[in-house]
Amino acid sequence: KNENILAIGDNIRTDIKGANNMKFDSLFITEGIHKKEFSNLPIEDYDKILKKYGAKTNYYQERLSW
């Protein structure tokens, strides 16, 4: 009950929209499958790309490694 969930993904249509549907916070990886849409784009315009897909995210990160 006292858990916080963070969904992490690079696909706006599935990972991020799925997180939105579940009302989870999300971290979008910009250098994933949508890399071309985010390359050379100022960070203040990132939300505009997600809005185009009907999605939103809480956080952005270029890449994920572990």
Protein backbone atom coordinates (compact mmCIF):
# COMPACT_ATOMS: atom_id res chain seq x y z
CA LYS A 1 0.00 0.00 0.00
CA ASN A 2 2.85 2.41 0.70
CA GLU A 3 4.76 1.61 -2.47
CA ASN A 4 5.87 4.03 -5.14
CA ILE A 5 6.24 2.74 -8.66
CA LEU A 6 8.42 4.23 -11.36
CA ALA A 7 7.95 2.85 -14.86
CA ILE A 8 11.03 3.21 -17.06
CA GLY A 9 10.89 2.90 -20.82
CA ASP A 10 11.93 4.14 -24.24
CA ASN A 11 8.66 3.53 -26.08
CA ILE A 12 6.12 6.33 -25.73
CA ARG A 13 3.24 4.28 -27.18
CA THR A 14 3.64 1.32 -24.83
CA ASP A 15 5.94 2.00 -21.86
CA ILE A 16 5.00 5.59 -21.09
CA LYS A 17 1.34 5.42 -22.11
CA GLY A 18 1.01 2.23 -20.08
CA ALA A 19 2.45 4.03 -17.05
CA ASN A 20 -0.01 6.88 -17.64
CA ASN A 21 -2.92 4.44 -17.82
CA MET A 22 -1.85 2.85 -14.53
CA LYS A 23 -1.22 6.27 -12.95
CA PHE A 24 2.44 5.41 -12.30
CA ASP A 25 5.28 7.91 -12.42
CA SER A 26 7.51 7.36 -15.44
CA LEU A 27 11.03 7.95 -16.66
CA PHE A 28 11.37 8.24 -20.42
CA ILE A 29 14.68 7.24 -22.05
CA THR A 30 15.26 9.68 -24.92
CA GLU A 31 17.99 7.72 -26.70
CA GLY A 32 15.80 4.66 -27.24
CA ILE A 33 13.50 3.90 -30.15
CA HIS A 34 12.35 7.53 -30.42
CA LYS A 35 15.94 8.80 -30.55
CA LYS A 36 15.52 10.56 -33.91
CA GLU A 37 12.61 12.62 -32.61
CA PHE A 38 14.64 13.87 -29.63
CA SER A 39 18.05 14.42 -31.22
CA ASN A 40 19.04 18.10 -31.35
CA LEU A 41 15.77 19.05 -29.66
CA PRO A 42 15.94 21.43 -26.69
CA ILE A 43 14.71 19.84 -23.46
CA GLU A 44 11.94 22.43 -23.14
CA ASP A 45 10.35 20.89 -26.27
CA TYR A 46 10.41 17.27 -25.03
CA ASP A 47 6.88 17.46 -23.61
CA LYS A 48 5.59 18.52 -27.04
CA ILE A 49 6.74 15.21 -28.54
CA LEU A 50 5.02 13.18 -25.82
CA LYS A 51 1.87 15.26 -26.17
CA LYS A 52 1.80 14.32 -29.85
CA TYR A 53 1.40 10.69 -28.70
CA GLY A 54 -1.14 11.58 -26.00
CA ALA A 55 1.31 10.78 -23.21
CA LYS A 56 3.22 12.51 -20.45
CA THR A 57 6.19 11.63 -18.28
CA ASN A 58 7.60 12.80 -14.98
CA TYR A 59 11.28 12.48 -15.87
CA TYR A 60 13.62 12.29 -18.85
CA GLN A 61 16.99 10.59 -19.11
CA GLU A 62 19.22 10.02 -22.13
CA ARG A 63 20.15 6.42 -21.49
CA LEU A 64 19.83 3.71 -18.90
CA SER A 65 22.54 1.27 -17.90
CA TRP A 66 23.01 -1.11 -15.00
